[in-house]
Protein backbone atom coordinates (compact mmCIF):
# COMPACT_ATOMS: atom_id res chain seq x y z
CA MET A 1 94.11 124.38 86.41
CA ASN A 2 90.50 125.48 86.05
CA VAL A 3 89.15 123.42 88.94
CA LEU A 4 90.73 125.46 91.72
CA ASN A 5 87.61 127.61 92.04
CA GLU A 6 85.33 124.58 92.33
CA ASP A 7 83.60 123.71 95.59
CA SER A 8 85.39 120.95 97.44
CA LEU A 9 82.27 119.08 98.50
CA ASP A 10 78.86 119.08 96.87
CA ASP A 11 76.57 119.29 99.91
CA THR A 12 73.59 118.14 97.86
CA ALA A 13 75.42 115.03 96.66
CA VAL A 14 76.63 114.26 100.19
CA ALA A 15 73.09 114.63 101.57
CA ALA A 16 71.69 112.41 98.79
CA LEU A 17 74.33 109.75 99.49
CA LYS A 18 73.57 109.90 103.20
CA GLU A 19 69.84 109.52 102.55
CA ALA A 20 70.30 106.71 100.05
CA THR A 21 72.73 104.70 102.14
CA GLU A 22 71.36 105.43 105.63
CA GLU A 23 73.37 103.37 108.15
CA MET A 24 76.01 102.52 105.54
CA PHE A 25 76.96 106.18 105.05
CA SER A 26 79.58 106.19 107.82
CA GLU A 27 81.12 102.97 106.52
CA ILE A 28 81.27 104.32 102.96
CA ILE A 29 83.04 107.46 104.14
CA GLU A 30 85.44 105.45 106.31
CA VAL A 31 86.35 103.18 103.39
CA TYR A 32 86.89 106.23 101.18
CA LEU A 33 89.11 107.83 103.83
CA GLU A 34 91.16 104.63 104.13
CA ASP A 35 91.41 103.88 100.41
CA THR A 36 92.13 107.34 99.02
CA PRO A 37 95.55 107.91 100.64
CA LYS A 38 96.68 104.51 99.35
CA ARG A 39 95.55 105.33 95.83
CA LEU A 40 97.14 108.78 95.97
CA SER A 41 100.43 107.17 96.99
CA LEU A 42 100.15 104.69 94.12
CA LEU A 43 99.45 107.59 91.78
CA MET A 44 102.58 109.40 92.98
CA LYS A 45 104.65 106.24 92.62
CA ALA A 46 103.33 105.78 89.09
CA PHE A 47 104.34 109.36 88.28
CA GLU A 48 107.80 108.88 89.77
CA THR A 49 108.35 105.73 87.68
CA ASN A 50 106.82 107.22 84.50
CA ASN A 51 104.11 104.55 84.48
CA VAL A 52 101.39 106.23 82.42
CA ASN A 53 99.07 103.21 82.53
CA ALA A 54 99.14 103.06 86.34
CA MET A 55 98.60 106.83 86.51
CA GLN A 56 95.56 106.48 84.28
CA GLU A 57 94.18 103.58 86.34
CA GLU A 58 94.67 105.20 89.76
CA SER A 59 93.38 108.60 88.65
CA HIS A 60 90.32 106.94 87.12
CA CYS A 61 89.54 105.11 90.38
CA LEU A 62 90.08 108.28 92.43
CA LYS A 63 87.91 110.30 90.05
CA GLY A 64 85.05 107.85 90.43
CA SER A 65 85.19 107.30 94.16
CA SER A 66 85.58 111.02 94.85
CA GLY A 67 82.69 111.85 92.55
CA ASN A 68 80.52 109.22 94.22
CA ILE A 69 80.87 110.85 97.63
CA GLY A 70 80.53 114.41 96.34
CA ALA A 71 84.21 115.42 96.45
CA LEU A 72 83.89 117.46 93.26
CA LYS A 73 87.20 119.26 93.17
CA LEU A 74 89.25 116.11 93.83
CA SER A 75 87.24 114.23 91.23
CA LYS A 76 87.93 116.92 88.64
CA ILE A 77 91.64 117.08 89.49
CA CYS A 78 91.82 113.31 89.00
CA ALA A 79 89.86 113.60 85.75
CA GLU A 80 92.54 115.99 84.48
CA ILE A 81 95.31 113.57 85.51
CA GLU A 82 93.45 110.74 83.79
CA SER A 83 92.96 112.76 80.62
CA GLN A 84 96.62 113.75 80.43
CA SER A 85 97.71 110.19 81.19
CA LYS A 86 95.54 108.88 78.35
CA ALA A 87 97.33 111.35 76.10
CA GLY A 88 100.68 110.06 77.35
CA VAL A 89 101.58 113.32 79.10
CA ILE A 90 103.59 113.09 82.31
CA THR A 91 105.62 116.30 82.40
CA ASN A 92 103.33 118.53 84.51
CA GLN A 93 101.44 115.80 86.35
CA ASN A 94 103.31 116.39 89.63
CA GLU A 95 101.47 119.71 90.10
CA TYR A 96 98.10 118.01 89.67
CA ILE A 97 99.06 115.18 92.02
CA GLN A 98 100.15 117.67 94.69
CA HIS A 99 96.80 119.44 94.32
CA ALA A 100 95.07 116.08 94.73
CA PHE A 101 96.95 115.38 97.98
CA SER A 102 96.14 118.87 99.30
CA GLU A 103 92.50 118.62 98.35
CA PHE A 104 92.17 115.24 100.03
CA ASP A 105 93.69 116.63 103.23
CA TYR A 106 91.14 119.43 103.13
CA ILE A 107 88.05 117.30 102.48
CA LYS A 108 89.15 114.59 104.91
CA LYS A 109 88.45 116.96 107.81
CA LYS A 110 85.02 117.80 106.44
CA LEU A 111 84.14 114.16 105.86
CA ILE A 112 85.27 113.10 109.34
CA ALA A 113 82.95 115.74 110.78
CA LEU A 114 80.02 114.13 108.90
CA VAL A 115 80.42 110.66 110.40
């Protein structure tokens, strides 16, 4: 996976989001921190049941929401899952999903410190 050397959070994107959303920034981060574990669990369930369409849908949502808050590495991991799901590939998706869980655990601490 080529994204492992990527920065976890884009500080410039986080600062721009904070400036653009002002008082809403904390709420946006809180919603992201609540929603992401649920979506990651749904992604894992989709993998376990060989549901390629659900994998594609959940990874797409995670890619977008992570990108919106500046979580670059998680967004790119999810983009890879989405791409492979579109191609109908499931075989090595567990590795990517595990990386997504680990990356979320890492950035969660950083995001909590920002709010």
